[in-house]
Amino acid sequence: MNDDKHIKLVLRNKRAYYEYEIVEKFEAGISLHGTEVKSIRAGKLNMGDSYARPRNGSISLLNLHISPWETANDYDQHDPTRPRLLLLHKKEIRKLTHEIEAKGYTLLPLSLYFKAGKLKVELGLAKGKNVHDKRQTSLKRDAKREMERARKLSH
């Protein structure tokens, strides 16, 4: 994701990295209405409890809250938490559906970003961590932070 110069990060799901072990990552397009894109560009969204599920041969993103656009009339407004269709290849959809249903993995949005003008979502195939793993993650993060701090002071 970070290798392209034309990427503008909109939102990152830090909680997903803390509570889950990310096994594999995928990039997907997302089907949106015009007012939703405007709200996203304004930063009026929340992906705290969002996840993706296979539905009717496709994969949908659920519980992604995109606030209504203030200046649009009632007819043009969107439902803030409606299921949003993810745009993936059939081979990816089959693989993800198998991983979710057979192996019990969870599919989470890790980040939302604009890539060459189009909104993309980075999905993570994830396995839940237990309490011990979460503590280990915190300890590693704190140690890394301390090393960076010490390195900056020595320069």
C-alpha atoms as a PDB file:
ATOM      1  CA  MET A   1       0.000   0.000   0.000  1.00  0.00           C
ATOM      2  CA  ASN A   2       2.760   2.502   0.867  1.00  0.00           C
ATOM      3  CA  ASP A   3       4.734   2.020  -2.357  1.00  0.00           C
ATOM      4  CA  ASP A   4       2.525   4.272  -4.507  1.00  0.00           C
ATOM      5  CA  LYS A   5       3.003   8.060  -4.429  1.00  0.00           C
ATOM      6  CA  HIS A   6      -0.652   8.787  -5.203  1.00  0.00           C
ATOM      7  CA  ILE A   7      -2.100   7.385  -1.974  1.00  0.00           C
ATOM      8  CA  LYS A   8      -3.940   9.582   0.522  1.00  0.00           C
ATOM      9  CA  LEU A   9      -4.727   7.740   3.754  1.00  0.00           C
ATOM     10  CA  VAL A  10      -8.202   8.547   5.071  1.00  0.00           C
ATOM     11  CA  LEU A  11      -8.498   6.279   8.113  1.00  0.00           C
ATOM     12  CA  ARG A  12      -6.538   3.464   9.763  1.00  0.00           C
ATOM     13  CA  ASN A  13      -8.088   0.805  12.018  1.00  0.00           C
ATOM     14  CA  LYS A  14      -5.506   0.595  14.835  1.00  0.00           C
ATOM     15  CA  ARG A  15      -7.811  -1.492  16.984  1.00  0.00           C
ATOM     16  CA  ALA A  16      -7.763  -4.322  14.421  1.00  0.00           C
ATOM     17  CA  TYR A  17      -3.985  -4.642  14.734  1.00  0.00           C
ATOM     18  CA  TYR A  18      -4.246  -4.735  18.530  1.00  0.00           C
ATOM     19  CA  GLU A  19      -7.085  -7.249  18.864  1.00  0.00           C
ATOM     20  CA  TYR A  20      -6.322  -9.510  15.888  1.00  0.00           C
ATOM     21  CA  GLU A  21      -3.369 -11.213  14.265  1.00  0.00           C
ATOM     22  CA  ILE A  22      -3.459 -10.253  10.573  1.00  0.00           C
ATOM     23  CA  VAL A  23      -2.753 -13.342   8.452  1.00  0.00           C
ATOM     24  CA  GLU A  24      -3.127 -11.885   4.950  1.00  0.00           C
ATOM     25  CA  LYS A  25      -4.014  -8.530   3.369  1.00  0.00           C
ATOM     26  CA  PHE A  26      -6.154  -7.710   0.331  1.00  0.00           C
ATOM     27  CA  GLU A  27      -6.984  -4.500  -1.517  1.00  0.00           C
ATOM     28  CA  ALA A  28     -10.555  -3.959  -2.649  1.00  0.00           C
ATOM     29  CA  GLY A  29     -12.599  -1.237  -4.236  1.00  0.00           C
ATOM     30  CA  ILE A  30     -15.798  -0.161  -2.535  1.00  0.00           C
ATOM     31  CA  SER A  31     -19.159   0.730  -4.059  1.00  0.00           C
ATOM     32  CA  LEU A  32     -20.400   4.080  -2.713  1.00  0.00           C
ATOM     33  CA  HIS A  33     -22.941   6.832  -3.352  1.00  0.00           C
ATOM     34  CA  GLY A  34     -21.779  10.371  -4.171  1.00  0.00           C
ATOM     35  CA  THR A  35     -22.674  11.823  -0.778  1.00  0.00           C
ATOM     36  CA  GLU A  36     -20.706   9.042   0.916  1.00  0.00           C
ATOM     37  CA  VAL A  37     -17.544   9.974  -0.992  1.00  0.00           C
ATOM     38  CA  LYS A  38     -17.979  13.615   0.037  1.00  0.00           C
ATOM     39  CA  SER A  39     -18.374  12.632   3.698  1.00  0.00           C
ATOM     40  CA  ILE A  40     -15.295  10.391   3.507  1.00  0.00           C
ATOM     41  CA  ARG A  41     -13.208  13.183   1.961  1.00  0.00           C
ATOM     42  CA  ALA A  42     -14.346  15.387   4.875  1.00  0.00           C
ATOM     43  CA  GLY A  43     -13.257  12.669   7.341  1.00  0.00           C
ATOM     44  CA  LYS A  44     -16.745  11.982   8.683  1.00  0.00           C
ATOM     45  CA  LEU A  45     -16.551   8.218   9.101  1.00  0.00           C
ATOM     46  CA  ASN A  46     -15.921   5.572  11.744  1.00  0.00           C
ATOM     47  CA  MET A  47     -14.765   2.006  11.167  1.00  0.00           C
ATOM     48  CA  GLY A  48     -14.515   0.939  14.809  1.00  0.00           C
ATOM     49  CA  ASP A  49     -16.939  -2.016  14.688  1.00  0.00           C
ATOM     50  CA  SER A  50     -16.867  -2.721  10.962  1.00  0.00           C
ATOM     51  CA  TYR A  51     -16.202  -6.091   9.387  1.00  0.00           C
ATOM     52  CA  ALA A  52     -16.766  -7.848   6.058  1.00  0.00           C
ATOM     53  CA  ARG A  53     -18.917 -10.930   5.357  1.00  0.00           C
ATOM     54  CA  PRO A  54     -19.695 -13.037   2.286  1.00  0.00           C
ATOM     55  CA  ARG A  55     -23.243 -12.391   1.061  1.00  0.00           C
ATOM     56  CA  ASN A  56     -24.878 -13.770  -2.095  1.00  0.00           C
ATOM     57  CA  GLY A  57     -21.629 -14.583  -3.911  1.00  0.00           C
ATOM     58  CA  SER A  58     -19.963 -11.272  -3.052  1.00  0.00           C
ATOM     59  CA  ILE A  59     -18.393  -9.685   0.005  1.00  0.00           C
ATOM     60  CA  SER A  60     -20.017  -6.774   1.817  1.00  0.00           C
ATOM     61  CA  LEU A  61     -18.570  -4.352   4.338  1.00  0.00           C
ATOM     62  CA  LEU A  62     -20.881  -4.003   7.336  1.00  0.00           C
ATOM     63  CA  ASN A  63     -21.094  -1.412  10.150  1.00  0.00           C
ATOM     64  CA  LEU A  64     -18.858   1.155   8.442  1.00  0.00           C
ATOM     65  CA  HIS A  65     -20.443   4.401   9.629  1.00  0.00           C
ATOM     66  CA  ILE A  66     -20.279   7.233   7.090  1.00  0.00           C
ATOM     67  CA  SER A  67     -22.069  10.342   8.355  1.00  0.00           C
ATOM     68  CA  PRO A  68     -24.727  11.913   6.114  1.00  0.00           C
ATOM     69  CA  TRP A  69     -23.619  14.872   4.012  1.00  0.00           C
ATOM     70  CA  GLU A  70     -25.030  18.047   5.610  1.00  0.00           C
ATOM     71  CA  THR A  71     -25.911  20.009   2.480  1.00  0.00           C
ATOM     72  CA  ALA A  72     -27.665  17.197   0.568  1.00  0.00           C
ATOM     73  CA  ASN A  73     -31.459  16.978   0.583  1.00  0.00           C
ATOM     74  CA  ASP A  74     -33.293  14.017   2.135  1.00  0.00           C
ATOM     75  CA  TYR A  75     -33.761  12.286  -1.225  1.00  0.00           C
ATOM     76  CA  ASP A  76     -30.012  12.185  -1.957  1.00  0.00           C
ATOM     77  CA  GLN A  77     -28.964  11.094   1.553  1.00  0.00           C
ATOM     78  CA  HIS A  78     -27.526   7.666   2.271  1.00  0.00           C
ATOM     79  CA  ASP A  79     -28.072   5.308   5.199  1.00  0.00           C
ATOM     80  CA  PRO A  80     -24.981   5.801   7.434  1.00  0.00           C
ATOM     81  CA  THR A  81     -24.423   2.090   8.192  1.00  0.00           C
ATOM     82  CA  ARG A  82     -25.759   0.391   5.056  1.00  0.00           C
ATOM     83  CA  PRO A  83     -23.893  -2.705   3.779  1.00  0.00           C
ATOM     84  CA  ARG A  84     -21.394  -1.658   1.102  1.00  0.00           C
ATOM     85  CA  LEU A  85     -20.348  -3.984  -1.696  1.00  0.00           C
ATOM     86  CA  LEU A  86     -16.618  -4.662  -1.966  1.00  0.00           C
ATOM     87  CA  LEU A  87     -15.141  -4.975  -5.439  1.00  0.00           C
ATOM     88  CA  LEU A  88     -12.919  -8.054  -5.603  1.00  0.00           C
ATOM     89  CA  HIS A  89     -12.036 -10.676  -8.204  1.00  0.00           C
ATOM     90  CA  LYS A  90     -14.101 -13.892  -8.113  1.00  0.00           C
ATOM     91  CA  LYS A  91     -11.009 -15.912  -7.206  1.00  0.00           C
ATOM     92  CA  GLU A  92     -10.392 -13.642  -4.188  1.00  0.00           C
ATOM     93  CA  ILE A  93     -14.053 -13.844  -3.167  1.00  0.00           C
ATOM     94  CA  ARG A  94     -13.972 -17.655  -3.274  1.00  0.00           C
ATOM     95  CA  LYS A  95     -10.747 -17.782  -1.262  1.00  0.00           C
ATOM     96  CA  LEU A  96     -11.982 -15.332   1.387  1.00  0.00           C
ATOM     97  CA  THR A  97     -15.353 -17.072   1.672  1.00  0.00           C
ATOM     98  CA  HIS A  98     -13.586 -20.402   2.236  1.00  0.00           C
ATOM     99  CA  GLU A  99     -11.215 -18.931   4.852  1.00  0.00           C
ATOM    100  CA  ILE A 100     -14.073 -17.279   6.758  1.00  0.00           C
ATOM    101  CA  GLU A 101     -16.509 -20.201   6.690  1.00  0.00           C
ATOM    102  CA  ALA A 102     -14.135 -23.185   6.984  1.00  0.00           C
ATOM    103  CA  LYS A 103     -11.294 -21.829   9.116  1.00  0.00           C
ATOM    104  CA  GLY A 104     -13.195 -19.292  11.220  1.00  0.00           C
ATOM    105  CA  TYR A 105     -11.166 -16.225  10.252  1.00  0.00           C
ATOM    106  CA  THR A 106     -12.552 -12.703  10.424  1.00  0.00           C
ATOM    107  CA  LEU A 107     -12.323 -10.197   7.572  1.00  0.00           C
ATOM    108  CA  LEU A 108     -11.646  -6.666   8.833  1.00  0.00           C
ATOM    109  CA  PRO A 109     -11.036  -3.320   7.143  1.00  0.00           C
ATOM    110  CA  LEU A 110      -7.535  -2.168   8.092  1.00  0.00           C
ATOM    111  CA  SER A 111      -7.470   1.171   6.300  1.00  0.00           C
ATOM    112  CA  LEU A 112      -9.331   3.352   3.838  1.00  0.00           C
ATOM    113  CA  TYR A 113      -7.374   5.406   1.322  1.00  0.00           C
ATOM    114  CA  PHE A 114      -7.639   7.137  -2.023  1.00  0.00           C
ATOM    115  CA  LYS A 115      -5.391   5.592  -4.670  1.00  0.00           C
ATOM    116  CA  ALA A 116      -5.214   7.490  -7.946  1.00  0.00           C
ATOM    117  CA  GLY A 117      -8.542   9.170  -7.121  1.00  0.00           C
ATOM    118  CA  LYS A 118     -10.430   5.974  -6.288  1.00  0.00           C
ATOM    119  CA  LEU A 119     -11.368   4.909  -2.767  1.00  0.00           C
ATOM    120  CA  LYS A 120      -9.808   1.603  -1.737  1.00  0.00           C
ATOM    121  CA  VAL A 121     -10.122  -0.452   1.423  1.00  0.00           C
ATOM    122  CA  GLU A 122      -7.309  -2.634   2.734  1.00  0.00           C
ATOM    123  CA  LEU A 123      -8.814  -5.814   4.164  1.00  0.00           C
ATOM    124  CA  GLY A 124      -7.109  -8.111   6.606  1.00  0.00           C
ATOM    125  CA  LEU A 125      -7.869 -11.787   7.040  1.00  0.00           C
ATOM    126  CA  ALA A 126      -7.526 -11.987  10.812  1.00  0.00           C
ATOM    127  CA  LYS A 127      -7.412 -14.420  13.678  1.00  0.00           C
ATOM    128  CA  GLY A 128      -8.405 -13.224  17.166  1.00  0.00           C
ATOM    129  CA  LYS A 129      -5.682 -12.777  19.775  1.00  0.00           C
ATOM    130  CA  ASN A 130      -6.006 -13.919  23.347  1.00  0.00           C
ATOM    131  CA  VAL A 131      -5.142 -11.647  26.302  1.00  0.00           C
ATOM    132  CA  HIS A 132      -1.530 -12.871  26.499  1.00  0.00           C
ATOM    133  CA  ASP A 133      -0.918 -12.014  22.822  1.00  0.00           C
ATOM    134  CA  LYS A 134      -2.365  -8.523  23.306  1.00  0.00           C
ATOM    135  CA  ARG A 135       0.031  -7.929  26.205  1.00  0.00           C
ATOM    136  CA  GLN A 136       2.948  -9.104  24.080  1.00  0.00           C
ATOM    137  CA  THR A 137       1.919  -6.682  21.324  1.00  0.00           C
ATOM    138  CA  SER A 138       1.858  -3.804  23.821  1.00  0.00           C
ATOM    139  CA  LEU A 139       5.270  -4.740  25.224  1.00  0.00           C
ATOM    140  CA  LYS A 140       6.832  -4.939  21.747  1.00  0.00           C
ATOM    141  CA  ARG A 141       5.331  -1.584  20.776  1.00  0.00           C
ATOM    142  CA  ASP A 142       6.608   0.078  23.971  1.00  0.00           C
ATOM    143  CA  ALA A 143      10.101  -1.402  23.532  1.00  0.00           C
ATOM    144  CA  LYS A 144      10.226  -0.190  19.937  1.00  0.00           C
ATOM    145  CA  ARG A 145       9.147   3.291  21.045  1.00  0.00           C
ATOM    146  CA  GLU A 146      11.862   3.381  23.727  1.00  0.00           C
ATOM    147  CA  MET A 147      14.529   2.297  21.216  1.00  0.00           C
ATOM    148  CA  GLU A 148      13.458   5.052  18.811  1.00  0.00           C
ATOM    149  CA  ARG A 149      13.548   7.614  21.617  1.00  0.00           C
ATOM    150  CA  ALA A 150      17.049   6.514  22.669  1.00  0.00           C
ATOM    151  CA  ARG A 151      18.246   6.576  19.058  1.00  0.00           C
ATOM    152  CA  LYS A 152      16.982  10.135  18.571  1.00  0.00           C
ATOM    153  CA  LEU A 153      18.680  11.321  21.779  1.00  0.00           C
ATOM    154  CA  SER A 154      22.034   9.840  20.735  1.00  0.00           C
ATOM    155  CA  HIS A 155      22.072  11.782  17.423  1.00  0.00           C
END
